[in-house]
């Protein structure tokens, strides 16, 4: 399945330049997400824009497929990329570029649950309390299966008329690796401690 990794925003809240290229344990955040999806057997396309010129250059240098969007907004860039890259009726993943703890087995579990549900779309959520337990911020909350939850930033959509809401599985995952969506320097410090300790001797 095709994966659109969204890397066209300015990342102004973090204030460290282009967020996809902010390094954790010596490795750009974007590369963690790319490696996770590639290891799960998916074809990756990075969606960048004029707002992220260094990210575009990094992708070219690494031989990573790049889609140059207009940078009109997260949803607008997804629509443009899907219209150009996918045939109508074809499912595809979308993912933010700042989930450095993402792992292939998480991706496989999302895809498996979505296929079992038999609906066109899937959104992924984590419990709000799990997010707060690990010191991360909760910016948007909905009730999923009766549990206050935050969106992860991983979705499955079916190409076609994306302006019309698609029936979706709202998947709640109790996995702490999904709480580390990096928007602040405090969250970056948290994930650096988690990942660098994990990769250490």
Protein backbone atom coordinates (compact mmCIF):
# COMPACT_ATOMS: atom_id res chain seq x y z
CA UNK A 1 0.00 0.00 0.00
CA UNK A 2 1.19 3.52 -0.76
CA UNK A 3 2.09 5.74 2.22
CA UNK A 4 1.99 9.53 2.10
CA UNK A 5 4.26 10.91 4.81
CA UNK A 6 3.28 14.51 5.33
CA UNK A 7 6.31 16.78 5.60
CA UNK A 8 5.20 20.06 4.04
CA UNK A 9 4.42 22.17 7.11
CA UNK A 10 6.58 24.79 8.75
CA UNK A 11 6.73 23.22 12.22
CA UNK A 12 6.64 26.62 13.87
CA UNK A 13 5.75 25.36 17.35
CA UNK A 14 9.04 23.48 17.68
CA UNK A 15 11.15 26.40 16.41
CA UNK A 16 14.09 24.24 15.34
CA UNK A 17 13.92 24.67 11.59
CA UNK A 18 12.21 22.04 9.44
CA UNK A 19 10.71 19.57 11.87
CA UNK A 20 11.09 16.43 9.70
CA UNK A 21 14.88 16.90 9.82
CA UNK A 22 15.22 17.50 13.56
CA UNK A 23 17.58 14.77 14.74
CA UNK A 24 17.01 12.22 17.48
CA UNK A 25 19.97 10.01 18.38
CA UNK A 26 21.73 11.36 15.28
CA UNK A 27 18.89 10.46 12.90
CA UNK A 28 16.23 12.76 11.36
CA UNK A 29 12.70 12.21 12.69
CA UNK A 30 11.43 11.67 9.17
CA UNK A 31 13.75 8.72 8.61
CA UNK A 32 12.25 6.83 11.58
CA UNK A 33 8.81 7.01 9.99
CA UNK A 34 10.11 6.07 6.54
CA UNK A 35 12.01 3.08 7.95
CA UNK A 36 8.96 1.84 9.87
CA UNK A 37 6.68 1.86 6.83
CA UNK A 38 9.35 0.45 4.50
CA UNK A 39 10.04 -2.39 6.94
CA UNK A 40 6.30 -3.07 7.06
CA UNK A 41 6.35 -3.59 3.28
CA UNK A 42 4.80 -0.32 2.10
CA UNK A 43 5.83 2.12 -0.64
CA UNK A 44 6.70 5.52 0.81
CA UNK A 45 6.19 8.94 -0.75
CA UNK A 46 7.21 12.03 1.21
CA UNK A 47 4.84 14.95 0.61
CA UNK A 48 6.83 18.19 0.99
CA UNK A 49 6.38 21.78 -0.15
CA UNK A 50 8.16 25.09 -0.66
CA UNK A 51 8.01 25.49 3.12
CA UNK A 52 10.38 22.53 3.60
CA UNK A 53 13.15 22.93 0.99
CA UNK A 54 15.82 21.17 3.07
CA UNK A 55 13.50 18.21 3.59
CA UNK A 56 13.05 17.99 -0.18
CA UNK A 57 16.82 18.08 -0.69
CA UNK A 58 17.33 15.39 1.97
CA UNK A 59 14.78 13.13 0.27
CA UNK A 60 16.47 13.58 -3.09
CA UNK A 61 19.88 12.80 -1.59
CA UNK A 62 18.50 9.66 0.07
CA UNK A 63 16.71 8.48 -3.08
CA UNK A 64 13.29 8.75 -1.41
CA UNK A 65 10.28 9.34 -3.64
CA UNK A 66 9.08 12.93 -3.26
CA UNK A 67 5.80 14.63 -4.07
CA UNK A 68 6.01 18.41 -4.21
CA UNK A 69 2.75 19.83 -2.91
CA UNK A 70 1.69 23.47 -2.88
CA UNK A 71 1.78 23.66 0.92
CA UNK A 72 -1.82 24.88 1.19
CA UNK A 73 -2.49 22.80 4.29
CA UNK A 74 -2.27 19.27 5.66
CA UNK A 75 -5.61 18.07 4.27
CA UNK A 76 -5.23 19.98 1.01
CA UNK A 77 -1.80 18.43 0.37
CA UNK A 78 -3.18 14.94 1.03
CA UNK A 79 -5.99 15.52 -1.47
CA UNK A 80 -3.58 16.79 -4.13
CA UNK A 81 -1.11 13.94 -3.70
CA UNK A 82 -3.83 11.28 -3.65
CA UNK A 83 -5.44 12.71 -6.79
CA UNK A 84 -2.13 12.60 -8.64
CA UNK A 85 -0.71 9.32 -7.31
CA UNK A 86 -3.61 6.95 -6.61
CA UNK A 87 -6.43 5.56 -8.73
CA UNK A 88 -9.96 5.95 -7.42
CA UNK A 89 -10.89 3.16 -5.03
CA UNK A 90 -7.29 2.48 -3.98
CA UNK A 91 -6.52 2.60 -0.24
CA UNK A 92 -3.47 4.41 1.06
CA UNK A 93 -1.87 5.38 4.37
CA UNK A 94 -1.23 8.93 5.51
CA UNK A 95 1.13 9.67 8.39
CA UNK A 96 2.70 12.66 10.08
CA UNK A 97 6.48 12.92 9.90
CA UNK A 98 7.04 13.33 13.64
CA UNK A 99 6.26 9.88 15.09
CA UNK A 100 9.82 8.63 15.65
CA UNK A 101 8.77 5.68 17.85
CA UNK A 102 6.57 4.17 15.15
CA UNK A 103 7.34 0.49 14.48
CA UNK A 104 6.45 -1.99 11.70
CA UNK A 105 4.34 -4.13 14.02
CA UNK A 106 2.18 -1.13 14.93
CA UNK A 107 1.58 -0.44 11.24
CA UNK A 108 0.71 -4.09 10.62
CA UNK A 109 -1.80 -4.08 13.48
CA UNK A 110 -3.48 -0.93 12.12
CA UNK A 111 -3.74 -2.38 8.64
CA UNK A 112 -5.02 -5.72 9.97
CA UNK A 113 -7.76 -4.09 12.05
CA UNK A 114 -8.80 -1.88 9.13
CA UNK A 115 -9.00 -4.83 6.71
CA UNK A 116 -11.08 -6.78 9.20
CA UNK A 117 -13.45 -3.83 9.63
CA UNK A 118 -14.10 -3.64 5.88
CA UNK A 119 -14.60 0.15 5.72
CA UNK A 120 -12.93 2.69 3.41
CA UNK A 121 -11.01 4.57 6.11
CA UNK A 122 -9.29 4.26 9.47
CA UNK A 123 -8.13 6.79 12.04
CA UNK A 124 -5.79 5.87 14.89
CA UNK A 125 -6.06 7.09 18.48
CA UNK A 126 -4.35 6.71 21.85
CA UNK A 127 -5.93 7.23 25.28
CA UNK A 128 -5.57 10.76 26.61
CA UNK A 129 -4.43 9.47 29.98
CA UNK A 130 -1.58 7.53 28.35
CA UNK A 131 -0.45 10.69 26.55
CA UNK A 132 -0.45 12.68 29.77
CA UNK A 133 1.23 9.87 31.72
CA UNK A 134 4.28 10.24 29.48
CA UNK A 135 4.40 14.01 29.76
CA UNK A 136 3.08 14.86 26.31
CA UNK A 137 0.45 17.44 25.48
CA UNK A 138 -3.15 16.72 24.51
CA UNK A 139 -4.31 19.24 21.92
CA UNK A 140 -7.45 17.52 20.59
CA UNK A 141 -9.64 14.96 22.33
CA UNK A 142 -12.60 12.82 21.27
CA UNK A 143 -14.35 9.91 22.92
CA UNK A 144 -13.36 6.63 21.27
CA UNK A 145 -15.15 3.54 22.60
CA UNK A 146 -16.03 5.62 25.66
CA UNK A 147 -12.39 6.58 26.30
CA UNK A 148 -11.10 10.17 25.98
CA UNK A 149 -8.48 9.84 23.24
CA UNK A 150 -6.06 11.83 21.08
CA UNK A 151 -5.39 11.32 17.36
CA UNK A 152 -2.06 9.72 16.50
CA UNK A 153 -1.67 11.08 12.96
CA UNK A 154 -1.83 7.74 11.12
CA UNK A 155 -4.80 7.22 8.83
CA UNK A 156 -5.98 5.04 5.99
CA UNK A 157 -8.12 6.58 3.25
CA UNK A 158 -9.51 5.33 -0.03
CA UNK A 159 -8.70 7.44 -3.08
CA UNK A 160 -11.63 9.11 -4.77
CA UNK A 161 -13.84 11.92 -3.51
CA UNK A 162 -11.98 12.79 -0.33
CA UNK A 163 -14.17 15.83 0.24
CA UNK A 164 -16.95 13.46 1.31
CA UNK A 165 -16.49 11.86 4.77
CA UNK A 166 -15.65 8.16 4.46
CA UNK A 167 -16.95 5.47 6.77
CA UNK A 168 -14.05 4.80 9.09
CA UNK A 169 -12.76 2.55 11.79
CA UNK A 170 -11.75 4.66 14.81
CA UNK A 171 -9.00 2.47 16.19
CA UNK A 172 -7.89 2.94 19.80
CA UNK A 173 -4.40 1.61 20.53
CA UNK A 174 -2.91 1.44 24.02
CA UNK A 175 0.71 1.75 22.89
CA UNK A 176 3.00 4.30 24.50
CA UNK A 177 5.15 4.53 21.37
CA UNK A 178 2.32 6.43 19.72
CA UNK A 179 2.13 9.21 22.30
CA UNK A 180 5.41 10.77 21.14
CA UNK A 181 4.10 13.16 18.50
CA UNK A 182 6.73 15.90 18.59
CA UNK A 183 5.44 19.47 18.70
CA UNK A 184 7.48 21.05 21.50
CA UNK A 185 11.06 20.95 22.74
CA UNK A 186 9.86 19.28 25.92
CA UNK A 187 8.33 16.45 23.90
CA UNK A 188 11.52 16.21 21.85
CA UNK A 189 13.56 15.83 25.05
CA UNK A 190 11.19 13.07 26.25
CA UNK A 191 11.51 11.04 23.07
CA UNK A 192 15.29 11.56 22.94
CA UNK A 193 15.59 10.01 26.38
CA UNK A 194 13.31 7.14 25.37
CA UNK A 195 14.90 6.30 22.01
CA UNK A 196 18.55 7.02 22.77
CA UNK A 197 18.40 4.91 25.91
CA UNK A 198 16.72 2.13 23.92
CA UNK A 199 19.43 2.23 21.25
CA UNK A 200 22.28 2.50 23.74
CA UNK A 201 24.66 -0.35 24.73
